[in-house]
Amino acid sequence: MLSSIIYLIKNKSLMLCSKKDLGTVYYALSLLILSLITFKNKELSYIGALGILIMGYGDGFAAIVGINFGNHKFKILGNDKSIEGSLAMFVFSFIVSIIILYIFNPVNILLFSFMLALLSTALELFSPLGLDNLTVPLGSAMFFYIIILLQI
């Protein structure tokens, strides 16, 4: 049993190391940055959570849907994408945004959620080599923070 677990961990590590991008490292870095910047201010902590959850759910489901159901594939900036995966990115980013904004900032929820989902999907599409793990969470959080500033 223990040898099976070690084998799985070792093979998973090899798969991560053999990728041509540093997406996993970028994701951890974006989590650290958003946590340090937003979580010390209780009024703005949901903005960090917004970026983190959009990346986690949006990009996570985009990969699952794209790999398993992506029949309409295309290449953009050297990345293999699918219409189905990109649509999943948009839908799950939209859902996450609606939930977070409904709880913490219930003003123009549908408009802001649509804008965040559109931006996140575009950032995911046009970020090469795993950089989406930086651009999506940081970009969506920064975008919403600017929206908050402009409302005041």
C-alpha atoms as a PDB file:
ATOM      1  CA  MET A   1       0.000   0.000   0.000  1.00  0.00           C
ATOM      2  CA  LEU A   2       2.715   2.461   1.002  1.00  0.00           C
ATOM      3  CA  SER A   3       4.731   1.615  -2.098  1.00  0.00           C
ATOM      4  CA  SER A   4       1.675   2.363  -4.265  1.00  0.00           C
ATOM      5  CA  ILE A   5       1.278   5.792  -2.667  1.00  0.00           C
ATOM      6  CA  ILE A   6       4.975   6.571  -3.129  1.00  0.00           C
ATOM      7  CA  TYR A   7       4.777   5.427  -6.752  1.00  0.00           C
ATOM      8  CA  LEU A   8       1.792   7.706  -7.426  1.00  0.00           C
ATOM      9  CA  ILE A   9       3.448  10.684  -5.744  1.00  0.00           C
ATOM     10  CA  LYS A  10       6.698  10.091  -7.610  1.00  0.00           C
ATOM     11  CA  ASN A  11       4.988   9.800 -10.995  1.00  0.00           C
ATOM     12  CA  LYS A  12       2.843  12.858 -10.316  1.00  0.00           C
ATOM     13  CA  SER A  13       6.003  14.809  -9.420  1.00  0.00           C
ATOM     14  CA  LEU A  14       7.673  13.671 -12.628  1.00  0.00           C
ATOM     15  CA  MET A  15       4.650  14.765 -14.647  1.00  0.00           C
ATOM     16  CA  LEU A  16       4.727  18.188 -13.024  1.00  0.00           C
ATOM     17  CA  CYS A  17       8.462  18.576 -13.580  1.00  0.00           C
ATOM     18  CA  SER A  18       8.269  17.467 -17.197  1.00  0.00           C
ATOM     19  CA  LYS A  19       5.832  20.212 -18.177  1.00  0.00           C
ATOM     20  CA  LYS A  20       7.284  23.027 -20.242  1.00  0.00           C
ATOM     21  CA  ASP A  21       5.792  25.746 -18.066  1.00  0.00           C
ATOM     22  CA  LEU A  22       5.881  26.791 -14.439  1.00  0.00           C
ATOM     23  CA  GLY A  23       2.113  27.078 -13.996  1.00  0.00           C
ATOM     24  CA  THR A  24       2.066  25.356 -10.623  1.00  0.00           C
ATOM     25  CA  VAL A  25       4.758  27.693  -9.303  1.00  0.00           C
ATOM     26  CA  TYR A  26       2.953  30.738 -10.711  1.00  0.00           C
ATOM     27  CA  TYR A  27      -0.298  29.670  -9.061  1.00  0.00           C
ATOM     28  CA  ALA A  28       1.356  29.379  -5.645  1.00  0.00           C
ATOM     29  CA  LEU A  29       3.001  32.756  -6.199  1.00  0.00           C
ATOM     30  CA  SER A  30      -0.307  34.419  -7.115  1.00  0.00           C
ATOM     31  CA  LEU A  31      -1.951  32.895  -4.023  1.00  0.00           C
ATOM     32  CA  LEU A  32       0.840  34.299  -1.865  1.00  0.00           C
ATOM     33  CA  ILE A  33       0.630  37.758  -3.428  1.00  0.00           C
ATOM     34  CA  LEU A  34      -3.156  37.980  -3.135  1.00  0.00           C
ATOM     35  CA  SER A  35      -3.101  36.652   0.416  1.00  0.00           C
ATOM     36  CA  LEU A  36      -0.462  39.154   1.534  1.00  0.00           C
ATOM     37  CA  ILE A  37      -2.130  42.110  -0.150  1.00  0.00           C
ATOM     38  CA  THR A  38      -5.827  41.499   0.470  1.00  0.00           C
ATOM     39  CA  PHE A  39      -6.263  39.247   3.490  1.00  0.00           C
ATOM     40  CA  LYS A  40      -4.836  41.735   5.989  1.00  0.00           C
ATOM     41  CA  ASN A  41      -7.725  44.097   5.239  1.00  0.00           C
ATOM     42  CA  LYS A  42     -10.985  42.382   6.210  1.00  0.00           C
ATOM     43  CA  GLU A  43     -13.040  44.699   3.997  1.00  0.00           C
ATOM     44  CA  LEU A  44     -11.041  43.765   0.903  1.00  0.00           C
ATOM     45  CA  SER A  45     -10.257  40.116   1.614  1.00  0.00           C
ATOM     46  CA  TYR A  46     -13.079  38.979  -0.648  1.00  0.00           C
ATOM     47  CA  ILE A  47     -11.260  40.570  -3.608  1.00  0.00           C
ATOM     48  CA  GLY A  48      -8.315  38.232  -3.040  1.00  0.00           C
ATOM     49  CA  ALA A  49     -10.700  35.315  -2.660  1.00  0.00           C
ATOM     50  CA  LEU A  50     -12.381  36.358  -5.905  1.00  0.00           C
ATOM     51  CA  GLY A  51      -9.100  36.107  -7.840  1.00  0.00           C
ATOM     52  CA  ILE A  52      -8.094  32.844  -6.179  1.00  0.00           C
ATOM     53  CA  LEU A  53     -11.466  31.144  -6.682  1.00  0.00           C
ATOM     54  CA  ILE A  54     -11.870  32.335 -10.274  1.00  0.00           C
ATOM     55  CA  MET A  55      -8.524  30.751 -11.038  1.00  0.00           C
ATOM     56  CA  GLY A  56      -9.217  27.600  -9.036  1.00  0.00           C
ATOM     57  CA  TYR A  57     -12.668  26.851 -10.363  1.00  0.00           C
ATOM     58  CA  GLY A  58     -12.593  28.599 -13.736  1.00  0.00           C
ATOM     59  CA  ASP A  59      -9.243  27.288 -14.917  1.00  0.00           C
ATOM     60  CA  GLY A  60      -9.711  23.957 -13.160  1.00  0.00           C
ATOM     61  CA  PHE A  61     -12.988  23.204 -14.895  1.00  0.00           C
ATOM     62  CA  ALA A  62     -11.686  24.651 -18.175  1.00  0.00           C
ATOM     63  CA  ALA A  63      -8.937  22.019 -18.132  1.00  0.00           C
ATOM     64  CA  ILE A  64     -11.312  19.190 -17.228  1.00  0.00           C
ATOM     65  CA  VAL A  65     -13.899  20.154 -19.849  1.00  0.00           C
ATOM     66  CA  GLY A  66     -11.300  20.985 -22.490  1.00  0.00           C
ATOM     67  CA  ILE A  67      -9.425  17.700 -22.094  1.00  0.00           C
ATOM     68  CA  ASN A  68     -12.497  15.460 -21.846  1.00  0.00           C
ATOM     69  CA  PHE A  69     -15.017  17.221 -24.093  1.00  0.00           C
ATOM     70  CA  GLY A  70     -12.954  19.646 -26.189  1.00  0.00           C
ATOM     71  CA  ASN A  71     -13.922  18.759 -29.748  1.00  0.00           C
ATOM     72  CA  HIS A  72     -13.318  22.201 -31.235  1.00  0.00           C
ATOM     73  CA  LYS A  73      -9.610  22.769 -30.660  1.00  0.00           C
ATOM     74  CA  PHE A  74      -7.466  25.719 -31.688  1.00  0.00           C
ATOM     75  CA  LYS A  75      -4.004  27.078 -30.970  1.00  0.00           C
ATOM     76  CA  ILE A  76      -3.367  30.524 -29.548  1.00  0.00           C
ATOM     77  CA  LEU A  77       0.095  31.828 -28.655  1.00  0.00           C
ATOM     78  CA  GLY A  78       1.427  28.268 -28.760  1.00  0.00           C
ATOM     79  CA  ASN A  79      -1.200  26.937 -26.338  1.00  0.00           C
ATOM     80  CA  ASP A  80      -3.713  24.232 -27.215  1.00  0.00           C
ATOM     81  CA  LYS A  81      -7.215  25.401 -26.312  1.00  0.00           C
ATOM     82  CA  SER A  82     -10.776  24.374 -27.041  1.00  0.00           C
ATOM     83  CA  ILE A  83     -13.995  26.290 -27.363  1.00  0.00           C
ATOM     84  CA  GLU A  84     -15.573  23.991 -24.773  1.00  0.00           C
ATOM     85  CA  GLY A  85     -12.759  24.600 -22.263  1.00  0.00           C
ATOM     86  CA  SER A  86     -12.889  28.356 -22.798  1.00  0.00           C
ATOM     87  CA  LEU A  87     -16.650  28.321 -22.360  1.00  0.00           C
ATOM     88  CA  ALA A  88     -16.210  26.384 -19.088  1.00  0.00           C
ATOM     89  CA  MET A  89     -13.689  29.014 -17.951  1.00  0.00           C
ATOM     90  CA  PHE A  90     -16.247  31.740 -18.626  1.00  0.00           C
ATOM     91  CA  VAL A  91     -19.192  29.919 -17.003  1.00  0.00           C
ATOM     92  CA  PHE A  92     -17.368  28.896 -13.813  1.00  0.00           C
ATOM     93  CA  SER A  93     -15.708  32.306 -13.453  1.00  0.00           C
ATOM     94  CA  PHE A  94     -19.156  33.860 -13.810  1.00  0.00           C
ATOM     95  CA  ILE A  95     -20.680  31.538 -11.195  1.00  0.00           C
ATOM     96  CA  VAL A  96     -17.845  32.101  -8.704  1.00  0.00           C
ATOM     97  CA  SER A  97     -18.100  35.862  -9.204  1.00  0.00           C
ATOM     98  CA  ILE A  98     -21.856  35.851  -8.648  1.00  0.00           C
ATOM     99  CA  ILE A  99     -21.488  33.895  -5.406  1.00  0.00           C
ATOM    100  CA  ILE A 100     -18.650  36.019  -3.994  1.00  0.00           C
ATOM    101  CA  LEU A 101     -20.210  39.329  -5.003  1.00  0.00           C
ATOM    102  CA  TYR A 102     -23.640  38.298  -3.735  1.00  0.00           C
ATOM    103  CA  ILE A 103     -22.151  37.625  -0.311  1.00  0.00           C
ATOM    104  CA  PHE A 104     -19.716  40.542  -0.025  1.00  0.00           C
ATOM    105  CA  ASN A 105     -20.664  43.305  -2.476  1.00  0.00           C
ATOM    106  CA  PRO A 106     -24.205  42.937  -3.802  1.00  0.00           C
ATOM    107  CA  VAL A 107     -24.068  45.861  -6.249  1.00  0.00           C
ATOM    108  CA  ASN A 108     -24.403  45.276 -10.007  1.00  0.00           C
ATOM    109  CA  ILE A 109     -23.673  41.594  -9.446  1.00  0.00           C
ATOM    110  CA  LEU A 110     -24.558  40.346 -12.925  1.00  0.00           C
ATOM    111  CA  LEU A 111     -22.717  43.120 -14.760  1.00  0.00           C
ATOM    112  CA  PHE A 112     -19.551  42.826 -12.671  1.00  0.00           C
ATOM    113  CA  SER A 113     -19.641  39.020 -12.780  1.00  0.00           C
ATOM    114  CA  PHE A 114     -19.981  39.119 -16.565  1.00  0.00           C
ATOM    115  CA  MET A 115     -17.075  41.557 -16.839  1.00  0.00           C
ATOM    116  CA  LEU A 116     -14.892  39.466 -14.518  1.00  0.00           C
ATOM    117  CA  ALA A 117     -15.693  36.237 -16.371  1.00  0.00           C
ATOM    118  CA  LEU A 118     -14.967  37.849 -19.734  1.00  0.00           C
ATOM    119  CA  LEU A 119     -11.669  39.308 -18.526  1.00  0.00           C
ATOM    120  CA  SER A 120     -10.614  36.054 -16.831  1.00  0.00           C
ATOM    121  CA  THR A 121     -11.388  34.034 -19.940  1.00  0.00           C
ATOM    122  CA  ALA A 122      -9.417  36.459 -22.121  1.00  0.00           C
ATOM    123  CA  LEU A 123      -6.466  36.397 -19.714  1.00  0.00           C
ATOM    124  CA  GLU A 124      -6.530  32.593 -19.685  1.00  0.00           C
ATOM    125  CA  LEU A 125      -6.650  32.470 -23.478  1.00  0.00           C
ATOM    126  CA  PHE A 126      -3.823  34.927 -24.141  1.00  0.00           C
ATOM    127  CA  SER A 127      -1.371  33.994 -21.363  1.00  0.00           C
ATOM    128  CA  PRO A 128       1.350  31.642 -22.633  1.00  0.00           C
ATOM    129  CA  LEU A 129       3.318  28.963 -20.784  1.00  0.00           C
ATOM    130  CA  GLY A 130       1.290  28.735 -17.577  1.00  0.00           C
ATOM    131  CA  LEU A 131       1.351  32.492 -16.995  1.00  0.00           C
ATOM    132  CA  ASP A 132      -2.441  32.363 -16.729  1.00  0.00           C
ATOM    133  CA  ASN A 133      -1.869  31.158 -13.175  1.00  0.00           C
ATOM    134  CA  LEU A 134      -0.503  34.653 -12.485  1.00  0.00           C
ATOM    135  CA  THR A 135      -2.535  36.793 -14.863  1.00  0.00           C
ATOM    136  CA  VAL A 136      -5.996  35.394 -14.109  1.00  0.00           C
ATOM    137  CA  PRO A 137      -6.039  35.675 -10.289  1.00  0.00           C
ATOM    138  CA  LEU A 138      -4.011  38.895 -10.114  1.00  0.00           C
ATOM    139  CA  GLY A 139      -5.710  40.487 -13.128  1.00  0.00           C
ATOM    140  CA  SER A 140      -9.251  39.700 -12.022  1.00  0.00           C
ATOM    141  CA  ALA A 141      -8.606  40.866  -8.444  1.00  0.00           C
ATOM    142  CA  MET A 142      -6.938  44.062  -9.638  1.00  0.00           C
ATOM    143  CA  PHE A 143      -9.726  44.707 -12.133  1.00  0.00           C
ATOM    144  CA  PHE A 144     -12.400  44.389  -9.470  1.00  0.00           C
ATOM    145  CA  TYR A 145     -10.394  46.544  -7.054  1.00  0.00           C
ATOM    146  CA  ILE A 146     -10.299  49.289  -9.711  1.00  0.00           C
ATOM    147  CA  ILE A 147     -14.072  48.938 -10.152  1.00  0.00           C
ATOM    148  CA  ILE A 148     -14.485  49.422  -6.393  1.00  0.00           C
ATOM    149  CA  LEU A 149     -12.261  52.516  -6.474  1.00  0.00           C
ATOM    150  CA  LEU A 150     -14.202  54.033  -9.362  1.00  0.00           C
ATOM    151  CA  GLN A 151     -17.520  53.553  -7.551  1.00  0.00           C
ATOM    152  CA  ILE A 152     -16.470  55.633  -4.541  1.00  0.00           C
END
